[in-house]
């Protein structure tokens, strides 16, 4: 007996997995840029001020996300004893930062070690 639902599901999955081909029909609303168009193009920072208010322009040009830290940390993988991890994790979130602080304190108390 043929399971039609299974066949239909396989056909749908196969159809979804195929890469869609790019349309070769030119888009009249958005034509391809010519060399002249590219030569006339200007950075958004120059043009947005003519289209929007200064406040809106600034908000559009401000990078999103958290600002970069002045001093970035280095990612390392290290093995610590279970007691050390349990101690720092017991006090909640930020346990890795507290380990960093403890190590910094050790360095300050033991210069040249």
Protein backbone atom coordinates (compact mmCIF):
# COMPACT_ATOMS: atom_id res chain seq x y z
CA UNK A 1 0.00 0.00 0.00
CA UNK A 2 1.32 3.46 -0.91
CA UNK A 3 1.50 6.11 1.76
CA UNK A 4 0.48 9.24 -0.15
CA UNK A 5 1.11 11.61 2.75
CA UNK A 6 4.68 10.41 2.99
CA UNK A 7 5.24 10.91 -0.74
CA UNK A 8 3.75 14.41 -0.64
CA UNK A 9 5.95 15.31 2.33
CA UNK A 10 9.07 14.09 0.53
CA UNK A 11 8.16 16.06 -2.59
CA UNK A 12 7.66 19.22 -0.54
CA UNK A 13 10.97 18.78 1.26
CA UNK A 14 12.74 18.18 -2.04
CA UNK A 15 11.15 21.27 -3.58
CA UNK A 16 12.15 23.42 -0.59
CA UNK A 17 15.74 22.20 -0.70
CA UNK A 18 16.30 23.24 -4.29
CA UNK A 19 18.06 26.56 -4.69
CA UNK A 20 15.88 29.19 -6.26
CA UNK A 21 17.19 30.45 -9.57
CA UNK A 22 17.67 34.14 -10.10
CA UNK A 23 15.13 35.80 -12.34
CA UNK A 24 16.55 36.97 -15.66
CA UNK A 25 13.70 39.42 -16.12
CA UNK A 26 14.98 42.99 -15.68
CA UNK A 27 13.40 44.92 -12.83
CA UNK A 28 12.19 48.21 -14.30
CA UNK A 29 11.55 49.67 -10.82
CA UNK A 30 15.12 48.96 -9.74
CA UNK A 31 17.46 48.85 -12.74
CA UNK A 32 21.06 47.67 -12.47
CA UNK A 33 23.57 50.40 -11.67
CA UNK A 34 25.78 51.63 -14.47
CA UNK A 35 29.37 52.82 -14.12
CA UNK A 36 28.06 56.40 -14.21
CA UNK A 37 25.58 55.66 -11.39
CA UNK A 38 28.37 54.22 -9.26
CA UNK A 39 30.58 57.24 -9.95
CA UNK A 40 27.80 59.61 -8.78
CA UNK A 41 27.09 57.63 -5.61
CA UNK A 42 27.97 59.30 -2.29
CA UNK A 43 28.22 57.94 1.26
CA UNK A 44 25.03 57.85 3.31
CA UNK A 45 26.53 60.31 5.80
CA UNK A 46 26.60 62.99 3.10
CA UNK A 47 23.13 62.36 1.70
CA UNK A 48 20.95 61.58 4.72
CA UNK A 49 21.26 65.13 6.07
CA UNK A 50 19.47 66.39 2.96
CA UNK A 51 16.59 63.95 3.44
CA UNK A 52 16.06 63.86 7.22
CA UNK A 53 16.35 66.08 10.28
CA UNK A 54 19.76 66.23 12.00
CA UNK A 55 18.45 64.12 14.90
CA UNK A 56 17.09 61.42 12.60
CA UNK A 57 20.26 61.46 10.50
CA UNK A 58 22.38 60.98 13.61
CA UNK A 59 20.19 58.10 14.81
CA UNK A 60 20.48 56.39 11.41
CA UNK A 61 24.27 56.74 11.36
CA UNK A 62 24.88 55.68 14.98
CA UNK A 63 26.16 52.10 15.13
CA UNK A 64 23.88 49.69 16.96
CA UNK A 65 24.80 47.39 19.78
CA UNK A 66 27.08 47.67 22.74
CA UNK A 67 30.04 50.03 22.33
CA UNK A 68 33.43 48.39 22.01
CA UNK A 69 35.31 48.16 25.29
CA UNK A 70 38.60 50.03 25.48
CA UNK A 71 40.28 47.02 27.02
CA UNK A 72 39.04 43.78 25.54
CA UNK A 73 39.46 40.48 27.28
CA UNK A 74 41.12 37.41 25.83
CA UNK A 75 39.14 34.20 25.48
CA UNK A 76 40.95 31.24 27.04
CA UNK A 77 40.02 27.71 27.89
CA UNK A 78 41.30 26.55 31.25
CA UNK A 79 40.58 23.72 33.60
CA UNK A 80 39.71 24.62 37.18
CA UNK A 81 38.93 22.39 40.12
CA UNK A 82 35.24 21.67 40.78
CA UNK A 83 35.49 23.40 44.18
CA UNK A 84 36.64 26.67 42.60
CA UNK A 85 33.85 26.63 40.02
CA UNK A 86 31.22 25.68 42.62
CA UNK A 87 32.37 28.50 44.93
CA UNK A 88 32.13 31.20 42.28
CA UNK A 89 28.94 29.88 40.66
CA UNK A 90 27.20 29.71 44.05
CA UNK A 91 27.05 33.50 44.19
CA UNK A 92 25.13 33.71 40.90
CA UNK A 93 25.61 35.35 37.53
CA UNK A 94 28.90 37.08 36.87
CA UNK A 95 30.98 34.28 38.35
CA UNK A 96 33.54 34.49 35.56
CA UNK A 97 33.99 38.21 36.24
CA UNK A 98 34.53 37.42 39.92
CA UNK A 99 37.20 34.86 39.01
CA UNK A 100 38.88 37.57 36.90
CA UNK A 101 38.72 39.99 39.86
CA UNK A 102 40.20 37.38 42.21
CA UNK A 103 43.07 36.74 39.81
CA UNK A 104 43.69 40.48 39.43
CA UNK A 105 43.75 40.85 43.21
CA UNK A 106 46.26 38.01 43.42
CA UNK A 107 48.48 39.76 40.86
CA UNK A 108 48.29 43.03 42.83
CA UNK A 109 49.20 41.28 46.09
CA UNK A 110 52.01 39.21 44.53
CA UNK A 111 53.94 41.48 42.15
CA UNK A 112 56.61 39.82 40.08
CA UNK A 113 55.21 36.31 40.56
